[in-house]
Amino acid sequence: MSNGPGKYNDLCVEAMEKAKAKCAIVIIMDGENGNGFSVNATSPDYIHALPKMLMVMAMKVQQDLEAGAKKMN
């Protein structure tokens, strides 16, 4: 994980505040400042939980893509 604020840090902070969240992740693809991500958390515990959470998300996206491809055939 990169150290310091990411190029989309302001957007991440805004999302966290609006959601009244303890942690927020913003992932941007082809944004004004290019691709990037930012993570903000109130506790390191949330940062330590991220790898597993992101792996689960990736698996679910992959499953959805595969299920969609099967429907198209």
PDB file of N, CA and C in Angstrom:
ATOM      1  N   MET A   1       0.849  -1.173   0.000  1.00  0.00           N
ATOM      2  CA  MET A   1       0.000   0.000   0.000  1.00  0.00           C
ATOM      3  C   MET A   1       0.890   1.229   0.000  1.00  0.00           C
ATOM      4  N   SER A   2       0.499   2.218  -0.743  1.00  0.00           N
ATOM      5  CA  SER A   2       1.307   3.430  -0.811  1.00  0.00           C
ATOM      6  C   SER A   2       1.180   4.228   0.481  1.00  0.00           C
ATOM      7  N   ASN A   3       2.233   4.927   0.799  1.00  0.00           N
ATOM      8  CA  ASN A   3       2.230   5.766   1.992  1.00  0.00           C
ATOM      9  C   ASN A   3       1.748   7.163   1.644  1.00  0.00           C
ATOM     10  N   GLY A   4       1.065   7.784   2.580  1.00  0.00           N
ATOM     11  CA  GLY A   4       0.600   9.144   2.370  1.00  0.00           C
ATOM     12  C   GLY A   4      -0.675   9.196   1.565  1.00  0.00           C
ATOM     13  N   PRO A   5      -1.206  10.387   1.427  1.00  0.00           N
ATOM     14  CA  PRO A   5      -2.474  10.547   0.701  1.00  0.00           C
ATOM     15  C   PRO A   5      -2.328  10.185  -0.778  1.00  0.00           C
ATOM     16  N   GLY A   6      -3.330   9.484  -1.304  1.00  0.00           N
ATOM     17  CA  GLY A   6      -3.360   9.169  -2.723  1.00  0.00           C
ATOM     18  C   GLY A   6      -3.902  10.345  -3.505  1.00  0.00           C
ATOM     19  N   LYS A   7      -3.870  10.234  -4.838  1.00  0.00           N
ATOM     20  CA  LYS A   7      -4.316  11.352  -5.661  1.00  0.00           C
ATOM     21  C   LYS A   7      -5.819  11.592  -5.565  1.00  0.00           C
ATOM     22  N   TYR A   8      -6.568  10.641  -4.997  1.00  0.00           N
ATOM     23  CA  TYR A   8      -8.004  10.815  -4.803  1.00  0.00           C
ATOM     24  C   TYR A   8      -8.357  10.867  -3.318  1.00  0.00           C
ATOM     25  N   ASN A   9      -7.409  11.310  -2.498  1.00  0.00           N
ATOM     26  CA  ASN A   9      -7.615  11.370  -1.058  1.00  0.00           C
ATOM     27  C   ASN A   9      -8.811  12.248  -0.675  1.00  0.00           C
ATOM     28  N   ASP A  10      -8.933  13.418  -1.299  1.00  0.00           N
ATOM     29  CA  ASP A  10     -10.041  14.323  -0.956  1.00  0.00           C
ATOM     30  C   ASP A  10     -11.394  13.654  -1.184  1.00  0.00           C
ATOM     31  N   LEU A  11     -11.527  12.935  -2.277  1.00  0.00           N
ATOM     32  CA  LEU A  11     -12.770  12.228  -2.585  1.00  0.00           C
ATOM     33  C   LEU A  11     -13.030  11.124  -1.564  1.00  0.00           C
ATOM     34  N   CYS A  12     -11.985  10.441  -1.153  1.00  0.00           N
ATOM     35  CA  CYS A  12     -12.113   9.369  -0.169  1.00  0.00           C
ATOM     36  C   CYS A  12     -12.549   9.921   1.183  1.00  0.00           C
ATOM     37  N   VAL A  13     -11.933  11.020   1.602  1.00  0.00           N
ATOM     38  CA  VAL A  13     -12.308  11.658   2.865  1.00  0.00           C
ATOM     39  C   VAL A  13     -13.770  12.105   2.807  1.00  0.00           C
ATOM     40  N   GLU A  14     -14.166  12.687   1.680  1.00  0.00           N
ATOM     41  CA  GLU A  14     -15.556  13.141   1.520  1.00  0.00           C
ATOM     42  C   GLU A  14     -16.534  11.967   1.614  1.00  0.00           C
ATOM     43  N   ALA A  15     -16.217  10.855   0.968  1.00  0.00           N
ATOM     44  CA  ALA A  15     -17.082   9.666   1.022  1.00  0.00           C
ATOM     45  C   ALA A  15     -17.195   9.151   2.447  1.00  0.00           C
ATOM     46  N   MET A  16     -16.068   9.106   3.145  1.00  0.00           N
ATOM     47  CA  MET A  16     -16.057   8.621   4.527  1.00  0.00           C
ATOM     48  C   MET A  16     -16.919   9.506   5.414  1.00  0.00           C
ATOM     49  N   GLU A  17     -16.782  10.815   5.260  1.00  0.00           N
ATOM     50  CA  GLU A  17     -17.562  11.752   6.067  1.00  0.00           C
ATOM     51  C   GLU A  17     -19.049  11.666   5.751  1.00  0.00           C
ATOM     52  N   LYS A  18     -19.401  11.635   4.478  1.00  0.00           N
ATOM     53  CA  LYS A  18     -20.818  11.578   4.079  1.00  0.00           C
ATOM     54  C   LYS A  18     -21.483  10.289   4.544  1.00  0.00           C
ATOM     55  N   ALA A  19     -20.731   9.189   4.533  1.00  0.00           N
ATOM     56  CA  ALA A  19     -21.282   7.901   4.949  1.00  0.00           C
ATOM     57  C   ALA A  19     -21.190   7.697   6.459  1.00  0.00           C
ATOM     58  N   LYS A  20     -20.528   8.638   7.146  1.00  0.00           N
ATOM     59  CA  LYS A  20     -20.278   8.487   8.585  1.00  0.00           C
ATOM     60  C   LYS A  20     -19.616   7.129   8.853  1.00  0.00           C
ATOM     61  N   ALA A  21     -18.622   6.839   8.012  1.00  0.00           N
ATOM     62  CA  ALA A  21     -17.942   5.535   8.038  1.00  0.00           C
ATOM     63  C   ALA A  21     -16.648   5.599   8.835  1.00  0.00           C
ATOM     64  N   LYS A  22     -16.206   4.451   9.266  1.00  0.00           N
ATOM     65  CA  LYS A  22     -14.932   4.319   9.966  1.00  0.00           C
ATOM     66  C   LYS A  22     -13.788   4.053   8.978  1.00  0.00           C
ATOM     67  N   CYS A  23     -14.160   3.670   7.751  1.00  0.00           N
ATOM     68  CA  CYS A  23     -13.160   3.389   6.730  1.00  0.00           C
ATOM     69  C   CYS A  23     -13.794   3.577   5.362  1.00  0.00           C
ATOM     70  N   ALA A  24     -13.021   4.081   4.414  1.00  0.00           N
ATOM     71  CA  ALA A  24     -13.498   4.228   3.038  1.00  0.00           C
ATOM     72  C   ALA A  24     -12.361   3.908   2.078  1.00  0.00           C
ATOM     73  N   ILE A  25     -12.751   3.339   0.961  1.00  0.00           N
ATOM     74  CA  ILE A  25     -11.823   3.036  -0.116  1.00  0.00           C
ATOM     75  C   ILE A  25     -12.422   3.625  -1.387  1.00  0.00           C
ATOM     76  N   VAL A  26     -11.626   4.363  -2.121  1.00  0.00           N
ATOM     77  CA  VAL A  26     -12.063   4.900  -3.402  1.00  0.00           C
ATOM     78  C   VAL A  26     -11.111   4.358  -4.464  1.00  0.00           C
ATOM     79  N   ILE A  27     -11.686   3.743  -5.482  1.00  0.00           N
ATOM     80  CA  ILE A  27     -10.901   3.236  -6.604  1.00  0.00           C
ATOM     81  C   ILE A  27     -11.408   3.954  -7.847  1.00  0.00           C
ATOM     82  N   ILE A  28     -10.518   4.600  -8.550  1.00  0.00           N
ATOM     83  CA  ILE A  28     -10.885   5.372  -9.734  1.00  0.00           C
ATOM     84  C   ILE A  28     -10.180   4.794 -10.952  1.00  0.00           C
ATOM     85  N   MET A  29     -10.949   4.606 -12.018  1.00  0.00           N
ATOM     86  CA  MET A  29     -10.391   4.157 -13.291  1.00  0.00           C
ATOM     87  C   MET A  29     -10.687   5.230 -14.328  1.00  0.00           C
ATOM     88  N   ASP A  30      -9.652   5.668 -15.016  1.00  0.00           N
ATOM     89  CA  ASP A  30      -9.759   6.690 -16.059  1.00  0.00           C
ATOM     90  C   ASP A  30     -10.386   7.985 -15.535  1.00  0.00           C
ATOM     91  N   GLY A  31     -10.005   8.387 -14.345  1.00  0.00           N
ATOM     92  CA  GLY A  31     -10.484   9.644 -13.789  1.00  0.00           C
ATOM     93  C   GLY A  31      -9.683  10.825 -14.301  1.00  0.00           C
ATOM     94  N   GLU A  32     -10.059  11.992 -13.855  1.00  0.00           N
ATOM     95  CA  GLU A  32      -9.388  13.228 -14.257  1.00  0.00           C
ATOM     96  C   GLU A  32      -7.883  13.164 -13.981  1.00  0.00           C
ATOM     97  N   ASN A  33      -7.522  12.510 -12.884  1.00  0.00           N
ATOM     98  CA  ASN A  33      -6.115  12.365 -12.513  1.00  0.00           C
ATOM     99  C   ASN A  33      -5.573  10.980 -12.842  1.00  0.00           C
ATOM    100  N   GLY A  34      -6.225  10.284 -13.753  1.00  0.00           N
ATOM    101  CA  GLY A  34      -5.786   8.948 -14.128  1.00  0.00           C
ATOM    102  C   GLY A  34      -6.323   7.890 -13.177  1.00  0.00           C
ATOM    103  N   ASN A  35      -5.755   6.709 -13.246  1.00  0.00           N
ATOM    104  CA  ASN A  35      -6.141   5.617 -12.360  1.00  0.00           C
ATOM    105  C   ASN A  35      -5.526   5.850 -10.985  1.00  0.00           C
ATOM    106  N   GLY A  36      -6.241   5.427  -9.964  1.00  0.00           N
ATOM    107  CA  GLY A  36      -5.682   5.557  -8.629  1.00  0.00           C
ATOM    108  C   GLY A  36      -6.638   5.066  -7.564  1.00  0.00           C
ATOM    109  N   PHE A  37      -6.145   5.081  -6.330  1.00  0.00           N
ATOM    110  CA  PHE A  37      -6.984   4.689  -5.209  1.00  0.00           C
ATOM    111  C   PHE A  37      -6.548   5.449  -3.977  1.00  0.00           C
ATOM    112  N   SER A  38      -7.471   5.542  -3.034  1.00  0.00           N
ATOM    113  CA  SER A  38      -7.165   6.129  -1.730  1.00  0.00           C
ATOM    114  C   SER A  38      -7.914   5.346  -0.665  1.00  0.00           C
ATOM    115  N   VAL A  39      -7.288   5.237   0.484  1.00  0.00           N
ATOM    116  CA  VAL A  39      -7.871   4.548   1.634  1.00  0.00           C
ATOM    117  C   VAL A  39      -7.731   5.461   2.840  1.00  0.00           C
ATOM    118  N   ASN A  40      -8.812   5.600   3.586  1.00  0.00           N
ATOM    119  CA  ASN A  40      -8.775   6.333   4.849  1.00  0.00           C
ATOM    120  C   ASN A  40      -9.476   5.492   5.894  1.00  0.00           C
ATOM    121  N   ALA A  41      -8.933   5.472   7.095  1.00  0.00           N
ATOM    122  CA  ALA A  41      -9.516   4.680   8.175  1.00  0.00           C
ATOM    123  C   ALA A  41      -9.241   5.351   9.507  1.00  0.00           C
ATOM    124  N   THR A  42     -10.144   5.123  10.443  1.00  0.00           N
ATOM    125  CA  THR A  42      -9.982   5.679  11.782  1.00  0.00           C
ATOM    126  C   THR A  42      -9.107   4.798  12.660  1.00  0.00           C
ATOM    127  N   SER A  43      -8.839   3.578  12.203  1.00  0.00           N
ATOM    128  CA  SER A  43      -8.037   2.642  13.000  1.00  0.00           C
ATOM    129  C   SER A  43      -7.250   1.730  12.068  1.00  0.00           C
ATOM    130  N   PRO A  44      -6.041   1.356  12.441  1.00  0.00           N
ATOM    131  CA  PRO A  44      -5.270   0.406  11.636  1.00  0.00           C
ATOM    132  C   PRO A  44      -5.964  -0.946  11.482  1.00  0.00           C
ATOM    133  N   ASP A  45      -6.869  -1.284  12.397  1.00  0.00           N
ATOM    134  CA  ASP A  45      -7.591  -2.558  12.295  1.00  0.00           C
ATOM    135  C   ASP A  45      -8.346  -2.663  10.974  1.00  0.00           C
ATOM    136  N   TYR A  46      -8.894  -1.554  10.511  1.00  0.00           N
ATOM    137  CA  TYR A  46      -9.617  -1.573   9.234  1.00  0.00           C
ATOM    138  C   TYR A  46      -8.654  -1.822   8.078  1.00  0.00           C
ATOM    139  N   ILE A  47      -7.481  -1.237   8.146  1.00  0.00           N
ATOM    140  CA  ILE A  47      -6.486  -1.436   7.092  1.00  0.00           C
ATOM    141  C   ILE A  47      -6.059  -2.907   7.048  1.00  0.00           C
ATOM    142  N   HIS A  48      -5.908  -3.533   8.206  1.00  0.00           N
ATOM    143  CA  HIS A  48      -5.506  -4.938   8.259  1.00  0.00           C
ATOM    144  C   HIS A  48      -6.594  -5.862   7.701  1.00  0.00           C
ATOM    145  N   ALA A  49      -7.851  -5.440   7.745  1.00  0.00           N
ATOM    146  CA  ALA A  49      -8.955  -6.248   7.221  1.00  0.00           C
ATOM    147  C   ALA A  49      -9.099  -6.114   5.698  1.00  0.00           C
ATOM    148  N   LEU A  50      -8.462  -5.128   5.105  1.00  0.00           N
ATOM    149  CA  LEU A  50      -8.640  -4.855   3.676  1.00  0.00           C
ATOM    150  C   LEU A  50      -8.233  -5.986   2.737  1.00  0.00           C
ATOM    151  N   PRO A  51      -7.074  -6.617   2.896  1.00  0.00           N
ATOM    152  CA  PRO A  51      -6.702  -7.642   1.917  1.00  0.00           C
ATOM    153  C   PRO A  51      -7.759  -8.740   1.766  1.00  0.00           C
ATOM    154  N   LYS A  52      -8.264  -9.261   2.865  1.00  0.00           N
ATOM    155  CA  LYS A  52      -9.271 -10.318   2.780  1.00  0.00           C
ATOM    156  C   LYS A  52     -10.554  -9.789   2.141  1.00  0.00           C
ATOM    157  N   MET A  53     -10.974  -8.602   2.540  1.00  0.00           N
ATOM    158  CA  MET A  53     -12.193  -8.012   1.988  1.00  0.00           C
ATOM    159  C   MET A  53     -12.067  -7.790   0.481  1.00  0.00           C
ATOM    160  N   LEU A  54     -10.922  -7.292   0.032  1.00  0.00           N
ATOM    161  CA  LEU A  54     -10.716  -7.054  -1.389  1.00  0.00           C
ATOM    162  C   LEU A  54     -10.655  -8.359  -2.176  1.00  0.00           C
ATOM    163  N   MET A  55     -10.083  -9.409  -1.585  1.00  0.00           N
ATOM    164  CA  MET A  55     -10.059 -10.714  -2.257  1.00  0.00           C
ATOM    165  C   MET A  55     -11.474 -11.264  -2.421  1.00  0.00           C
ATOM    166  N   VAL A  56     -12.300 -11.122  -1.389  1.00  0.00           N
ATOM    167  CA  VAL A  56     -13.692 -11.570  -1.476  1.00  0.00           C
ATOM    168  C   VAL A  56     -14.430 -10.778  -2.555  1.00  0.00           C
ATOM    169  N   MET A  57     -14.210  -9.465  -2.586  1.00  0.00           N
ATOM    170  CA  MET A  57     -14.842  -8.634  -3.613  1.00  0.00           C
ATOM    171  C   MET A  57     -14.423  -9.081  -5.008  1.00  0.00           C
ATOM    172  N   ALA A  58     -13.134  -9.332  -5.190  1.00  0.00           N
ATOM    173  CA  ALA A  58     -12.629  -9.753  -6.489  1.00  0.00           C
ATOM    174  C   ALA A  58     -13.254 -11.078  -6.926  1.00  0.00           C
ATOM    175  N   MET A  59     -13.380 -12.015  -5.995  1.00  0.00           N
ATOM    176  CA  MET A  59     -14.000 -13.304  -6.318  1.00  0.00           C
ATOM    177  C   MET A  59     -15.461 -13.115  -6.722  1.00  0.00           C
ATOM    178  N   LYS A  60     -16.189 -12.247  -6.017  1.00  0.00           N
ATOM    179  CA  LYS A  60     -17.599 -12.022  -6.341  1.00  0.00           C
ATOM    180  C   LYS A  60     -17.747 -11.359  -7.710  1.00  0.00           C
ATOM    181  N   VAL A  61     -16.892 -10.402  -8.018  1.00  0.00           N
ATOM    182  CA  VAL A  61     -16.938  -9.763  -9.335  1.00  0.00           C
ATOM    183  C   VAL A  61     -16.663 -10.801 -10.413  1.00  0.00           C
ATOM    184  N   GLN A  62     -15.662 -11.656 -10.191  1.00  0.00           N
ATOM    185  CA  GLN A  62     -15.338 -12.694 -11.155  1.00  0.00           C
ATOM    186  C   GLN A  62     -16.522 -13.651 -11.354  1.00  0.00           C
ATOM    187  N   GLN A  63     -17.152 -14.043 -10.262  1.00  0.00           N
ATOM    188  CA  GLN A  63     -18.321 -14.930 -10.354  1.00  0.00           C
ATOM    189  C   GLN A  63     -19.452 -14.266 -11.131  1.00  0.00           C
ATOM    190  N   ASP A  64     -19.696 -12.999 -10.871  1.00  0.00           N
ATOM    191  CA  ASP A  64     -20.745 -12.272 -11.594  1.00  0.00           C
ATOM    192  C   ASP A  64     -20.429 -12.187 -13.083  1.00  0.00           C
ATOM    193  N   LEU A  65     -19.165 -11.931 -13.410  1.00  0.00           N
ATOM    194  CA  LEU A  65     -18.772 -11.867 -14.820  1.00  0.00           C
ATOM    195  C   LEU A  65     -18.967 -13.216 -15.501  1.00  0.00           C
ATOM    196  N   GLU A  66     -18.573 -14.286 -14.824  1.00  0.00           N
ATOM    197  CA  GLU A  66     -18.735 -15.627 -15.383  1.00  0.00           C
ATOM    198  C   GLU A  66     -20.212 -15.978 -15.545  1.00  0.00           C
ATOM    199  N   ALA A  67     -21.025 -15.615 -14.563  1.00  0.00           N
ATOM    200  CA  ALA A  67     -22.462 -15.893 -14.640  1.00  0.00           C
ATOM    201  C   ALA A  67     -23.087 -15.099 -15.774  1.00  0.00           C
ATOM    202  N   GLY A  68     -22.658 -13.873 -15.959  1.00  0.00           N
ATOM    203  CA  GLY A  68     -23.164 -13.050 -17.063  1.00  0.00           C
ATOM    204  C   GLY A  68     -22.756 -13.605 -18.408  1.00  0.00           C
ATOM    205  N   ALA A  69     -21.546 -14.119 -18.503  1.00  0.00           N
ATOM    206  CA  ALA A  69     -21.071 -14.699 -19.751  1.00  0.00           C
ATOM    207  C   ALA A  69     -21.869 -15.959 -20.103  1.00  0.00           C
ATOM    208  N   LYS A  70     -22.220 -16.742 -19.094  1.00  0.00           N
ATOM    209  CA  LYS A  70     -23.011 -17.950 -19.328  1.00  0.00           C
ATOM    210  C   LYS A  70     -24.399 -17.593 -19.836  1.00  0.00           C
ATOM    211  N   LYS A  71     -24.986 -16.514 -19.311  1.00  0.00           N
ATOM    212  CA  LYS A  71     -26.319 -16.078 -19.754  1.00  0.00           C
ATOM    213  C   LYS A  71     -26.296 -15.610 -21.201  1.00  0.00           C
ATOM    214  N   MET A  72     -25.139 -15.063 -21.631  1.00  0.00           N
ATOM    215  CA  MET A  72     -25.020 -14.540 -22.989  1.00  0.00           C
ATOM    216  C   MET A  72     -24.917 -15.678 -24.012  1.00  0.00           C
ATOM    217  N   ASN A  73     -24.451 -16.846 -23.573  1.00  0.00           N
ATOM    218  CA  ASN A  73     -24.273 -17.983 -24.506  1.00  0.00           C
ATOM    219  C   ASN A  73     -25.541 -18.723 -24.731  1.00  0.00           C
TER     220      ASN A  73
END
